[in-house]
PDB file of all heavy atoms in Angstrom:
ATOM      1  N   LEU A   1       2.163 -20.998 -10.466  1.00  0.00           N
ATOM      2  CA  LEU A   1       2.576 -20.110  -9.402  1.00  0.00           C
ATOM      3  C   LEU A   1       2.707 -18.726  -9.893  1.00  0.00           C
ATOM      4  O   LEU A   1       2.343 -17.767  -9.147  1.00  0.00           O
ATOM      5  CB  LEU A   1       3.869 -20.689  -8.999  1.00  0.00           C
ATOM      6  CG  LEU A   1       3.823 -21.813  -8.039  1.00  0.00           C
ATOM      7  CD1 LEU A   1       5.318 -22.349  -7.701  1.00  0.00           C
ATOM      8  CD2 LEU A   1       3.216 -21.480  -6.648  1.00  0.00           C
ATOM      9  N   SER A   2       3.358 -18.543 -11.091  1.00  0.00           N
ATOM     10  CA  SER A   2       3.551 -17.199 -11.570  1.00  0.00           C
ATOM     11  C   SER A   2       2.153 -16.398 -11.855  1.00  0.00           C
ATOM     12  O   SER A   2       1.970 -15.186 -11.460  1.00  0.00           O
ATOM     13  CB  SER A   2       4.242 -17.168 -12.881  1.00  0.00           C
ATOM     14  OG  SER A   2       5.506 -17.747 -12.752  1.00  0.00           O
ATOM     15  N   ALA A   3       1.218 -17.174 -12.367  1.00  0.00           N
ATOM     16  CA  ALA A   3      -0.150 -16.496 -12.494  1.00  0.00           C
ATOM     17  C   ALA A   3      -0.713 -16.196 -11.179  1.00  0.00           C
ATOM     18  O   ALA A   3      -1.357 -15.131 -11.052  1.00  0.00           O
ATOM     19  CB  ALA A   3      -1.025 -17.483 -13.319  1.00  0.00           C
ATOM     20  N   ALA A   4      -0.652 -17.108 -10.202  1.00  0.00           N
ATOM     21  CA  ALA A   4      -1.183 -16.742  -8.931  1.00  0.00           C
ATOM     22  C   ALA A   4      -0.549 -15.493  -8.305  1.00  0.00           C
ATOM     23  O   ALA A   4      -1.249 -14.716  -7.653  1.00  0.00           O
ATOM     24  CB  ALA A   4      -0.983 -17.970  -8.039  1.00  0.00           C
ATOM     25  N   TRP A   5       0.768 -15.385  -8.439  1.00  0.00           N
ATOM     26  CA  TRP A   5       1.405 -14.221  -7.966  1.00  0.00           C
ATOM     27  C   TRP A   5       0.971 -12.922  -8.605  1.00  0.00           C
ATOM     28  O   TRP A   5       0.797 -11.869  -7.949  1.00  0.00           O
ATOM     29  CB  TRP A   5       2.958 -14.360  -8.150  1.00  0.00           C
ATOM     30  CG  TRP A   5       3.574 -15.085  -6.955  1.00  0.00           C
ATOM     31  CD1 TRP A   5       4.294 -16.287  -7.064  1.00  0.00           C
ATOM     32  CD2 TRP A   5       3.741 -14.714  -5.601  1.00  0.00           C
ATOM     33  NE1 TRP A   5       4.786 -16.617  -5.721  1.00  0.00           N
ATOM     34  CE2 TRP A   5       4.380 -15.676  -4.907  1.00  0.00           C
ATOM     35  CE3 TRP A   5       3.213 -13.562  -4.922  1.00  0.00           C
ATOM     36  CZ2 TRP A   5       4.647 -15.643  -3.506  1.00  0.00           C
ATOM     37  CZ3 TRP A   5       3.421 -13.592  -3.535  1.00  0.00           C
ATOM     38  CH2 TRP A   5       4.169 -14.497  -2.850  1.00  0.00           C
ATOM     39  N   LEU A   6       0.806 -12.965  -9.954  1.00  0.00           N
ATOM     40  CA  LEU A   6       0.348 -11.773 -10.638  1.00  0.00           C
ATOM     41  C   LEU A   6      -0.994 -11.317 -10.077  1.00  0.00           C
ATOM     42  O   LEU A   6      -1.377 -10.211 -10.051  1.00  0.00           O
ATOM     43  CB  LEU A   6       0.301 -12.105 -12.123  1.00  0.00           C
ATOM     44  CG  LEU A   6       1.670 -12.092 -12.841  1.00  0.00           C
ATOM     45  CD1 LEU A   6       1.380 -12.507 -14.278  1.00  0.00           C
ATOM     46  CD2 LEU A   6       2.407 -10.760 -12.766  1.00  0.00           C
ATOM     47  N   VAL A   7      -2.039 -12.233  -9.933  1.00  0.00           N
ATOM     48  CA  VAL A   7      -3.246 -11.938  -9.333  1.00  0.00           C
ATOM     49  C   VAL A   7      -3.167 -11.295  -7.987  1.00  0.00           C
ATOM     50  O   VAL A   7      -3.850 -10.360  -7.734  1.00  0.00           O
ATOM     51  CB  VAL A   7      -4.204 -13.265  -9.424  1.00  0.00           C
ATOM     52  CG1 VAL A   7      -5.532 -12.886  -8.627  1.00  0.00           C
ATOM     53  CG2 VAL A   7      -4.482 -13.691 -10.728  1.00  0.00           C
ATOM     54  N   ALA A   8      -2.478 -12.007  -7.111  1.00  0.00           N
ATOM     55  CA  ALA A   8      -2.248 -11.392  -5.758  1.00  0.00           C
ATOM     56  C   ALA A   8      -1.665 -10.103  -5.890  1.00  0.00           C
ATOM     57  O   ALA A   8      -2.163  -9.117  -5.058  1.00  0.00           O
ATOM     58  CB  ALA A   8      -1.333 -12.502  -4.970  1.00  0.00           C
ATOM     59  N   LEU A   9      -0.617  -9.877  -6.646  1.00  0.00           N
ATOM     60  CA  LEU A   9      -0.084  -8.468  -6.706  1.00  0.00           C
ATOM     61  C   LEU A   9      -1.095  -7.400  -7.233  1.00  0.00           C
ATOM     62  O   LEU A   9      -1.038  -6.344  -6.737  1.00  0.00           O
ATOM     63  CB  LEU A   9       1.233  -8.580  -7.512  1.00  0.00           C
ATOM     64  CG  LEU A   9       2.338  -9.387  -6.975  1.00  0.00           C
ATOM     65  CD1 LEU A   9       3.508  -9.452  -8.077  1.00  0.00           C
ATOM     66  CD2 LEU A   9       2.998  -8.593  -5.766  1.00  0.00           C
ATOM     67  N   ALA A  10      -1.900  -7.836  -8.142  1.00  0.00           N
ATOM     68  CA  ALA A  10      -2.877  -6.977  -8.741  1.00  0.00           C
ATOM     69  C   ALA A  10      -3.950  -6.493  -7.611  1.00  0.00           C
ATOM     70  O   ALA A  10      -4.479  -5.341  -7.656  1.00  0.00           O
ATOM     71  CB  ALA A  10      -3.570  -7.625  -9.946  1.00  0.00           C
ATOM     72  N   LEU A  11      -4.131  -7.420  -6.721  1.00  0.00           N
ATOM     73  CA  LEU A  11      -5.078  -7.117  -5.734  1.00  0.00           C
ATOM     74  C   LEU A  11      -4.437  -6.298  -4.519  1.00  0.00           C
ATOM     75  O   LEU A  11      -5.178  -5.379  -3.853  1.00  0.00           O
ATOM     76  CB  LEU A  11      -5.655  -8.322  -5.042  1.00  0.00           C
ATOM     77  CG  LEU A  11      -6.535  -9.191  -5.988  1.00  0.00           C
ATOM     78  CD1 LEU A  11      -6.939 -10.506  -5.370  1.00  0.00           C
ATOM     79  CD2 LEU A  11      -7.787  -8.425  -6.501  1.00  0.00           C
ATOM     80  N   VAL A  12      -3.274  -6.449  -4.199  1.00  0.00           N
ATOM     81  CA  VAL A  12      -2.646  -5.935  -3.068  1.00  0.00           C
ATOM     82  C   VAL A  12      -1.965  -4.552  -3.319  1.00  0.00           C
ATOM     83  O   VAL A  12      -2.053  -3.617  -2.624  1.00  0.00           O
ATOM     84  CB  VAL A  12      -1.682  -6.886  -2.415  1.00  0.00           C
ATOM     85  CG1 VAL A  12      -0.810  -6.214  -1.258  1.00  0.00           C
ATOM     86  CG2 VAL A  12      -2.368  -8.159  -1.925  1.00  0.00           C
ATOM     87  N   VAL A  13      -1.236  -4.472  -4.390  1.00  0.00           N
ATOM     88  CA  VAL A  13      -0.349  -3.329  -4.758  1.00  0.00           C
ATOM     89  C   VAL A  13      -1.255  -1.963  -4.773  1.00  0.00           C
ATOM     90  O   VAL A  13      -0.819  -0.958  -4.163  1.00  0.00           O
ATOM     91  CB  VAL A  13       0.374  -3.493  -5.999  1.00  0.00           C
ATOM     92  CG1 VAL A  13       0.998  -2.172  -6.477  1.00  0.00           C
ATOM     93  CG2 VAL A  13       1.442  -4.530  -5.803  1.00  0.00           C
ATOM     94  N   PRO A  14      -2.451  -1.990  -5.442  1.00  0.00           N
ATOM     95  CA  PRO A  14      -3.152  -0.684  -5.483  1.00  0.00           C
ATOM     96  C   PRO A  14      -3.587  -0.160  -4.127  1.00  0.00           C
ATOM     97  O   PRO A  14      -3.538   0.999  -3.723  1.00  0.00           O
ATOM     98  CB  PRO A  14      -4.440  -0.955  -6.281  1.00  0.00           C
ATOM     99  CG  PRO A  14      -4.052  -2.124  -7.098  1.00  0.00           C
ATOM    100  CD  PRO A  14      -3.105  -2.915  -6.302  1.00  0.00           C
ATOM    101  N   GLY A  15      -3.847  -1.237  -3.215  1.00  0.00           N
ATOM    102  CA  GLY A  15      -4.244  -0.693  -1.801  1.00  0.00           C
ATOM    103  C   GLY A  15      -2.947  -0.208  -0.995  1.00  0.00           C
ATOM    104  O   GLY A  15      -3.091   0.770  -0.224  1.00  0.00           O
ATOM    105  N   LEU A  16      -1.833  -0.746  -1.388  1.00  0.00           N
ATOM    106  CA  LEU A  16      -0.560  -0.158  -0.620  1.00  0.00           C
ATOM    107  C   LEU A  16      -0.369   1.181  -1.192  1.00  0.00           C
ATOM    108  O   LEU A  16       0.121   2.039  -0.350  1.00  0.00           O
ATOM    109  CB  LEU A  16       0.661  -1.108  -0.907  1.00  0.00           C
ATOM    110  CG  LEU A  16       0.464  -2.507  -0.364  1.00  0.00           C
ATOM    111  CD1 LEU A  16       1.648  -3.329  -0.811  1.00  0.00           C
ATOM    112  CD2 LEU A  16       0.494  -2.402   1.300  1.00  0.00           C
ATOM    113  N   LEU A  17      -0.478   1.502  -2.558  1.00  0.00           N
ATOM    114  CA  LEU A  17      -0.200   2.689  -3.013  1.00  0.00           C
ATOM    115  C   LEU A  17      -1.177   3.802  -2.535  1.00  0.00           C
ATOM    116  O   LEU A  17      -0.786   4.985  -2.410  1.00  0.00           O
ATOM    117  CB  LEU A  17      -0.218   2.705  -4.574  1.00  0.00           C
ATOM    118  CG  LEU A  17       0.765   1.851  -5.220  1.00  0.00           C
ATOM    119  CD1 LEU A  17       0.512   1.716  -6.688  1.00  0.00           C
ATOM    120  CD2 LEU A  17       2.190   2.347  -4.973  1.00  0.00           C
ATOM    121  N   ASP A  18      -2.461   3.494  -2.353  1.00  0.00           N
ATOM    122  CA  ASP A  18      -3.428   4.318  -1.749  1.00  0.00           C
ATOM    123  C   ASP A  18      -3.259   4.628  -0.268  1.00  0.00           C
ATOM    124  O   ASP A  18      -4.065   5.577   0.270  1.00  0.00           O
ATOM    125  CB  ASP A  18      -4.782   3.860  -2.073  1.00  0.00           C
ATOM    126  CG  ASP A  18      -5.124   3.846  -3.627  1.00  0.00           C
ATOM    127  OD1 ASP A  18      -4.427   4.595  -4.335  1.00  0.00           O
ATOM    128  OD2 ASP A  18      -5.947   3.191  -4.034  1.00  0.00           O
ATOM    129  N   ARG A  19      -2.490   3.856   0.497  1.00  0.00           N
ATOM    130  CA  ARG A  19      -2.380   4.127   1.946  1.00  0.00           C
ATOM    131  C   ARG A  19      -1.821   5.340   2.218  1.00  0.00           C
ATOM    132  O   ARG A  19      -0.759   5.769   1.568  1.00  0.00           O
ATOM    133  CB  ARG A  19      -1.523   2.914   2.454  1.00  0.00           C
ATOM    134  CG  ARG A  19      -1.432   2.996   4.029  1.00  0.00           C
ATOM    135  CD  ARG A  19      -0.515   1.983   4.518  1.00  0.00           C
ATOM    136  NE  ARG A  19      -1.084   0.668   4.257  1.00  0.00           N
ATOM    137  CZ  ARG A  19      -0.446  -0.493   4.457  1.00  0.00           C
ATOM    138  NH1 ARG A  19       0.837  -0.447   5.051  1.00  0.00           N
ATOM    139  NH2 ARG A  19      -1.014  -1.614   4.197  1.00  0.00           N
ATOM    140  N   PRO A  20      -2.380   6.190   3.234  1.00  0.00           N
ATOM    141  CA  PRO A  20      -1.850   7.481   3.522  1.00  0.00           C
ATOM    142  C   PRO A  20      -0.372   7.292   4.083  1.00  0.00           C
ATOM    143  O   PRO A  20      -0.155   6.315   4.742  1.00  0.00           O
ATOM    144  CB  PRO A  20      -2.768   8.040   4.519  1.00  0.00           C
ATOM    145  CG  PRO A  20      -3.527   6.856   5.087  1.00  0.00           C
ATOM    146  CD  PRO A  20      -3.597   5.891   4.017  1.00  0.00           C
ATOM    147  N   ALA A  21       0.291   8.376   3.966  1.00  0.00           N
ATOM    148  CA  ALA A  21       1.788   8.383   4.438  1.00  0.00           C
ATOM    149  C   ALA A  21       1.650   8.253   6.034  1.00  0.00           C
ATOM    150  O   ALA A  21       0.886   8.867   6.614  1.00  0.00           O
ATOM    151  CB  ALA A  21       2.508   9.630   4.035  1.00  0.00           C
ATOM    152  N   PRO A  22       2.610   7.579   6.554  1.00  0.00           N
ATOM    153  CA  PRO A  22       2.608   7.381   7.993  1.00  0.00           C
ATOM    154  C   PRO A  22       2.892   8.780   8.624  1.00  0.00           C
ATOM    155  O   PRO A  22       3.588   9.610   8.101  1.00  0.00           O
ATOM    156  CB  PRO A  22       3.734   6.408   8.241  1.00  0.00           C
ATOM    157  CG  PRO A  22       4.617   6.543   7.026  1.00  0.00           C
ATOM    158  CD  PRO A  22       3.606   6.841   5.920  1.00  0.00           C
ATOM    159  N   LYS A  23       2.160   9.029   9.826  1.00  0.00           N
ATOM    160  CA  LYS A  23       2.393  10.227  10.585  1.00  0.00           C
ATOM    161  C   LYS A  23       3.876  10.254  11.299  1.00  0.00           C
ATOM    162  O   LYS A  23       4.218   9.294  11.793  1.00  0.00           O
ATOM    163  CB  LYS A  23       1.367  10.341  11.705  1.00  0.00           C
ATOM    164  CG  LYS A  23      -0.038  10.442  11.106  1.00  0.00           C
ATOM    165  CD  LYS A  23      -1.112  10.523  12.265  1.00  0.00           C
ATOM    166  CE  LYS A  23      -2.483  10.523  11.679  1.00  0.00           C
ATOM    167  NZ  LYS A  23      -3.525  10.589  12.874  1.00  0.00           N
ATOM    168  N   VAL A  24       4.435  11.310  11.128  1.00  0.00           N
ATOM    169  CA  VAL A  24       5.753  11.560  11.659  1.00  0.00           C
ATOM    170  C   VAL A  24       5.456  11.992  13.075  1.00  0.00           C
ATOM    171  O   VAL A  24       4.847  12.890  13.396  1.00  0.00           O
ATOM    172  CB  VAL A  24       6.526  12.615  10.956  1.00  0.00           C
ATOM    173  CG1 VAL A  24       7.799  12.839  11.605  1.00  0.00           C
ATOM    174  CG2 VAL A  24       6.630  12.225   9.531  1.00  0.00           C
ATOM    175  N   ALA A  25       6.167  11.342  13.999  1.00  0.00           N
ATOM    176  CA  ALA A  25       5.969  11.626  15.442  1.00  0.00           C
ATOM    177  C   ALA A  25       6.346  13.115  15.720  1.00  0.00           C
ATOM    178  O   ALA A  25       7.357  13.557  15.348  1.00  0.00           O
ATOM    179  CB  ALA A  25       6.898  10.634  16.275  1.00  0.00           C
ATOM    180  N   GLY A  26       5.373  13.695  16.413  1.00  0.00           N
ATOM    181  CA  GLY A  26       5.585  15.152  16.774  1.00  0.00           C
ATOM    182  C   GLY A  26       5.125  16.092  15.807  1.00  0.00           C
ATOM    183  O   GLY A  26       5.192  17.308  16.142  1.00  0.00           O
ATOM    184  N   LYS A  27       4.673  15.670  14.647  1.00  0.00           N
ATOM    185  CA  LYS A  27       4.355  16.718  13.592  1.00  0.00           C
ATOM    186  C   LYS A  27       2.847  16.513  13.325  1.00  0.00           C
ATOM    187  O   LYS A  27       2.452  15.410  13.158  1.00  0.00           O
ATOM    188  CB  LYS A  27       5.111  16.440  12.286  1.00  0.00           C
ATOM    189  CG  LYS A  27       4.812  17.421  11.309  1.00  0.00           C
ATOM    190  CD  LYS A  27       5.724  17.274  10.004  1.00  0.00           C
ATOM    191  CE  LYS A  27       5.512  18.330   8.907  1.00  0.00           C
ATOM    192  NZ  LYS A  27       6.275  18.259   7.821  1.00  0.00           N
ATOM    193  N   ALA A  28       2.221  17.682  13.249  1.00  0.00           N
ATOM    194  CA  ALA A  28       0.663  17.635  13.127  1.00  0.00           C
ATOM    195  C   ALA A  28       0.303  17.484  11.753  1.00  0.00           C
ATOM    196  O   ALA A  28       0.968  17.984  10.765  1.00  0.00           O
ATOM    197  CB  ALA A  28       0.135  19.106  13.511  1.00  0.00           C
ATOM    198  N   PRO A  29      -0.661  16.510  11.581  1.00  0.00           N
ATOM    199  CA  PRO A  29      -1.156  16.336  10.194  1.00  0.00           C
ATOM    200  C   PRO A  29      -1.975  17.496   9.828  1.00  0.00           C
ATOM    201  O   PRO A  29      -3.089  17.666  10.091  1.00  0.00           O
ATOM    202  CB  PRO A  29      -2.019  15.054  10.306  1.00  0.00           C
ATOM    203  CG  PRO A  29      -2.489  15.074  11.793  1.00  0.00           C
ATOM    204  CD  PRO A  29      -1.317  15.673  12.569  1.00  0.00           C
ATOM    205  N   GLU A  30      -1.441  18.317   8.846  1.00  0.00           N
ATOM    206  CA  GLU A  30      -2.163  19.597   8.492  1.00  0.00           C
ATOM    207  C   GLU A  30      -3.021  19.334   7.350  1.00  0.00           C
ATOM    208  O   GLU A  30      -2.919  18.443   6.450  1.00  0.00           O
ATOM    209  CB  GLU A  30      -1.046  20.641   8.009  1.00  0.00           C
ATOM    210  CG  GLU A  30      -0.080  20.872   9.022  1.00  0.00           C
ATOM    211  CD  GLU A  30       0.897  21.956   8.432  1.00  0.00           C
ATOM    212  OE1 GLU A  30       0.719  22.492   7.277  1.00  0.00           O
ATOM    213  OE2 GLU A  30       1.884  22.379   9.074  1.00  0.00           O
TER     214      GLU A  30
END
């Protein structure tokens, strides 16, 4: 189980870090 979690985290976490910051309502993305 621990090894499976490490593999899953290695695949998912980089994608989450690269995701652009959410747009703030009413503020233009400059």
